[in-house]
Protein backbone atom coordinates (compact mmCIF):
# COMPACT_ATOMS: atom_id res chain seq x y z
CA MET A 1 126.56 97.13 105.35
CA LYS A 2 124.99 98.19 108.33
CA THR A 3 121.42 97.33 109.51
CA ARG A 4 118.92 99.29 111.31
CA LYS A 5 116.92 98.02 113.85
CA ILE A 6 112.98 99.34 113.87
CA ASN A 7 112.07 99.95 117.39
CA LYS A 8 108.51 98.68 117.91
CA ASN A 9 107.37 101.51 120.15
CA LYS A 10 108.35 103.86 117.38
CA VAL A 11 106.16 102.62 114.79
CA VAL A 12 103.26 102.17 117.23
CA SER A 13 103.85 105.35 118.09
CA TRP A 14 103.91 106.47 114.66
CA LEU A 15 100.42 104.77 113.59
CA ASP A 16 99.10 106.05 116.41
CA GLU A 17 99.49 109.89 115.85
CA GLN A 18 97.22 112.16 113.92
CA SER A 19 97.52 112.20 110.30
CA GLU A 20 96.94 116.28 109.79
CA LEU A 21 95.54 116.03 105.59
CA TYR A 22 93.30 113.17 106.89
CA THR A 23 92.12 114.91 109.35
CA LYS A 24 91.81 118.03 107.80
CA ILE A 25 89.76 116.31 104.73
CA MET A 26 87.41 114.42 107.22
CA GLU A 27 87.14 117.02 110.12
CA GLU A 28 87.32 114.86 112.55
CA PRO A 29 90.34 113.14 114.35
CA VAL A 30 91.94 110.18 111.94
CA THR A 31 95.12 108.37 112.80
CA ARG A 32 97.93 107.12 110.57
CA GLY A 33 97.03 103.70 111.35
CA THR A 34 93.38 104.29 110.48
CA VAL A 35 94.37 105.63 107.30
CA LEU A 36 96.63 102.57 106.47
CA LEU A 37 93.84 100.23 107.27
CA VAL A 38 91.56 101.98 104.99
CA ASN A 39 94.10 102.25 102.17
CA LEU A 40 95.02 98.52 102.25
CA ILE A 41 90.83 98.13 102.24
CA ALA A 42 90.87 99.74 98.77
CA ILE A 43 93.74 98.06 97.62
CA CYS A 44 92.81 94.64 98.36
CA ILE A 45 89.01 95.63 97.11
CA ILE A 46 90.82 96.57 93.69
CA ILE A 47 93.05 93.66 93.15
CA ALA A 48 89.49 91.30 93.85
CA ALA A 49 87.76 93.48 91.03
CA ILE A 50 90.53 93.08 88.71
CA ALA A 51 91.47 89.58 89.31
CA ALA A 52 88.00 88.43 89.22
CA GLY A 53 88.00 87.90 85.13
CA GLY A 54 90.74 85.63 85.37
CA ALA A 55 91.91 84.41 88.80
CA LEU A 56 89.00 83.67 90.65
CA ILE A 57 91.63 81.96 93.49
CA ILE A 58 93.53 85.71 93.57
CA SER A 59 90.18 87.57 93.93
CA ALA A 60 89.01 85.59 96.72
CA GLY A 61 92.11 85.66 98.72
CA ALA A 62 91.67 89.62 98.35
CA THR A 63 88.46 89.59 99.30
CA LEU A 64 89.04 87.65 102.32
CA CYS A 65 92.31 90.25 103.11
CA ALA A 66 89.61 93.02 102.75
CA GLY A 67 87.57 91.35 105.24
CA TYR A 68 89.79 90.76 107.60
CA LEU A 69 91.35 94.64 107.37
CA VAL A 70 87.90 95.91 107.94
CA ARG A 71 87.56 93.60 110.97
CA ARG A 72 90.66 95.00 112.19
CA LEU A 73 89.63 98.67 111.81
CA ASN A 74 85.86 97.92 113.33
CA ARG A 75 87.92 96.48 116.61
CA ARG A 76 90.08 99.49 116.26
CA SER A 77 87.41 101.98 116.42
CA GLU A 78 85.00 100.28 119.40
């Protein structure tokens, strides 16, 4: 089985490219990295809301994860 080595520079350049769909929706330039961060934040918040009733540890962890991702998004915007 042949393994493929992922080039970090290719991934970073792909994330920094403009997302056509979200750019049309937002009517301003949006990168794929920003789209990925926003979607991950939404997933963490959904997990926190679902887990709040039964597993407070998971809910707290998901909330902390969402907070960290928001912090990264804010740093990226500056």
